[in-house]
Amino acid sequence: MLITNLLPLLGSYSLAFDLVAGADGVVTLIIIPRVAEGKSQKAEAGELHPISIIATAAEIDAELAKGAEGALGGLIATRKTLADQIATQRDAAEAVRAASAEAAKAKAASPSPKPAVATSAPAAPAPGALPADAKSEEPASLW
């Protein structure tokens, strides 16, 4: 029954187990997921975090018997959903990076626009410049 309930994890991970008997019939079952050999995907740290179940042997058996509806099944489904979301976000970020790089290349490759020269409108005199009809020997008049 344990292996049947862990098949969803075995599809993506290699699993290690640590089983420890404690006082008063309490058992600690630790399931340690690892990236399966031959898998090209990179796993997030949250995906590889060990799953620890602490209960009596009968309680662990009863919970594992619930399959996908049990706590372990729910945890497996949640981790898969989170892993899918992380992969989607990683793909979106990579697409944005690629689009940004392409935009930067296109901007660098395009010639810079030259400033337009206005030929029809006369240029405004610079502030503090003498009027056009002023002579350099005579002071400028305000009247």
Protein backbone atom coordinates (compact mmCIF):
# COMPACT_ATOMS: atom_id res chain seq x y z
CA MET A 1 0.00 0.00 0.00
CA LEU A 2 2.85 2.41 0.72
CA ILE A 3 4.40 2.01 -2.72
CA THR A 4 1.03 2.36 -4.48
CA ASN A 5 0.42 5.66 -2.71
CA LEU A 6 3.90 6.92 -3.57
CA LEU A 7 3.66 6.16 -7.30
CA PRO A 8 2.81 9.80 -8.15
CA LEU A 9 6.07 10.87 -6.52
CA LEU A 10 8.02 8.02 -8.11
CA GLY A 11 7.09 9.36 -11.54
CA SER A 12 9.18 12.47 -10.94
CA TYR A 13 11.53 11.65 -8.11
CA SER A 14 13.74 8.99 -6.64
CA LEU A 15 12.68 8.44 -3.02
CA ALA A 16 14.64 7.58 0.10
CA PHE A 17 12.97 6.52 3.35
CA ASP A 18 13.91 6.82 6.97
CA LEU A 19 11.72 4.86 9.39
CA VAL A 20 12.21 5.30 13.13
CA ALA A 21 10.26 3.67 15.94
CA GLY A 22 9.68 5.88 18.96
CA ALA A 23 8.16 5.50 22.41
CA ASP A 24 4.54 4.39 22.89
CA GLY A 25 4.22 2.93 19.38
CA VAL A 26 4.87 6.23 17.61
CA VAL A 27 6.62 5.87 14.27
CA THR A 28 8.37 8.55 12.26
CA LEU A 29 8.36 7.98 8.51
CA ILE A 30 10.50 10.42 6.54
CA ILE A 31 10.21 10.39 2.74
CA ILE A 32 13.10 12.16 1.02
CA PRO A 33 12.49 13.05 -2.65
CA ARG A 34 15.50 13.43 -4.96
CA VAL A 35 15.71 14.19 -8.64
CA ALA A 36 15.41 10.90 -10.46
CA GLU A 37 18.39 9.79 -12.52
CA GLY A 38 18.03 10.65 -16.17
CA LYS A 39 15.61 13.52 -15.51
CA SER A 40 16.64 16.75 -17.19
CA GLN A 41 14.40 19.00 -15.08
CA LYS A 42 15.80 21.05 -12.24
CA ALA A 43 13.88 20.68 -9.02
CA GLU A 44 13.20 23.55 -6.66
CA ALA A 45 14.30 23.27 -3.03
CA GLY A 46 10.66 23.09 -1.90
CA GLU A 47 10.05 20.07 -4.08
CA LEU A 48 12.95 18.21 -2.52
CA HIS A 49 12.04 19.04 1.07
CA PRO A 50 11.57 15.81 3.06
CA ILE A 51 8.07 14.73 4.02
CA SER A 52 7.81 13.68 7.65
CA ILE A 53 4.89 11.67 9.03
CA ILE A 54 4.77 11.09 12.79
CA ALA A 55 1.98 8.86 14.09
CA THR A 56 1.31 5.31 15.21
CA ALA A 57 1.84 2.59 12.64
CA ALA A 58 -1.95 2.06 12.42
CA GLU A 59 -2.57 5.78 11.84
CA ILE A 60 0.08 5.94 9.12
CA ASP A 61 -1.40 2.86 7.43
CA ALA A 62 -4.91 4.36 7.62
CA GLU A 63 -3.77 7.69 6.20
CA LEU A 64 -1.83 6.06 3.38
CA ALA A 65 -4.87 3.88 2.59
CA LYS A 66 -6.80 7.07 1.70
CA GLY A 67 -4.55 7.47 -1.33
CA ALA A 68 -4.95 10.77 -3.20
CA GLU A 69 -7.58 11.96 -0.70
CA GLY A 70 -5.25 11.51 2.27
CA ALA A 71 -2.73 13.94 3.67
CA LEU A 72 0.18 12.46 1.70
CA GLY A 73 -1.83 12.51 -1.53
CA GLY A 74 -2.82 16.13 -0.91
CA LEU A 75 0.77 17.09 -0.21
CA ILE A 76 1.94 15.36 -3.38
CA ALA A 77 -0.73 17.15 -5.43
CA THR A 78 0.15 20.51 -3.87
CA ARG A 79 3.84 20.05 -4.56
CA LYS A 80 3.10 19.11 -8.17
CA THR A 81 0.91 22.19 -8.59
CA LEU A 82 3.59 24.42 -7.10
CA ALA A 83 6.28 22.83 -9.28
CA ASP A 84 4.11 23.44 -12.37
CA GLN A 85 3.59 27.07 -11.35
CA ILE A 86 7.31 27.54 -10.82
CA ALA A 87 8.04 26.04 -14.24
CA THR A 88 5.45 28.32 -15.87
CA GLN A 89 6.92 31.39 -14.16
CA ARG A 90 10.43 30.35 -15.12
CA ASP A 91 9.36 29.96 -18.78
CA ALA A 92 7.61 33.35 -18.73
CA ALA A 93 10.67 35.03 -17.22
CA GLU A 94 12.88 33.45 -19.86
CA ALA A 95 10.54 34.66 -22.63
CA VAL A 96 10.65 38.20 -21.21
CA ARG A 97 14.45 38.05 -21.02
CA ALA A 98 14.67 36.89 -24.62
CA ALA A 99 12.25 39.58 -25.83
CA SER A 100 14.19 42.24 -23.92
CA ALA A 101 17.46 41.07 -25.45
CA GLU A 102 15.94 41.14 -28.94
CA ALA A 103 14.58 44.66 -28.35
CA ALA A 104 17.99 45.83 -27.16
CA LYS A 105 19.66 44.32 -30.24
CA ALA A 106 17.11 45.95 -32.54
CA LYS A 107 17.58 49.33 -30.84
CA ALA A 108 21.37 49.08 -31.12
CA ALA A 109 21.18 48.05 -34.79
CA SER A 110 18.82 50.84 -35.90
CA PRO A 111 20.48 54.14 -36.94
CA SER A 112 20.00 57.00 -34.54
CA PRO A 113 17.61 59.68 -35.86
CA LYS A 114 19.29 62.92 -36.97
CA PRO A 115 17.85 66.18 -35.63
CA ALA A 116 15.67 67.99 -38.14
CA VAL A 117 16.89 71.40 -39.31
CA ALA A 118 14.18 74.06 -39.49
CA THR A 119 14.71 76.25 -42.56
CA SER A 120 11.48 78.24 -42.72
CA ALA A 121 11.29 79.75 -39.22
CA PRO A 122 13.95 82.27 -38.15
CA ALA A 123 15.89 81.35 -35.09
CA ALA A 124 14.97 83.21 -31.90
CA PRO A 125 17.75 85.45 -30.57
CA ALA A 126 19.69 84.06 -27.68
CA PRO A 127 18.92 85.65 -24.29
CA GLY A 128 21.21 88.62 -23.65
CA ALA A 129 22.12 89.01 -27.35
CA LEU A 130 22.15 92.42 -29.00
CA PRO A 131 19.35 93.30 -31.40
CA ALA A 132 20.14 92.81 -35.07
CA ASP A 133 20.17 96.58 -35.85
CA ALA A 134 22.40 97.52 -32.87
CA LYS A 135 25.89 98.86 -33.40
CA SER A 136 28.65 97.71 -31.10
CA GLU A 137 29.76 101.32 -30.29
CA GLU A 138 26.29 102.47 -29.18
CA PRO A 139 24.49 101.27 -26.09
CA ALA A 140 21.33 99.31 -26.73
CA SER A 141 18.13 101.28 -26.26
CA LEU A 142 15.00 99.94 -24.68
CA TRP A 143 12.84 102.47 -26.65
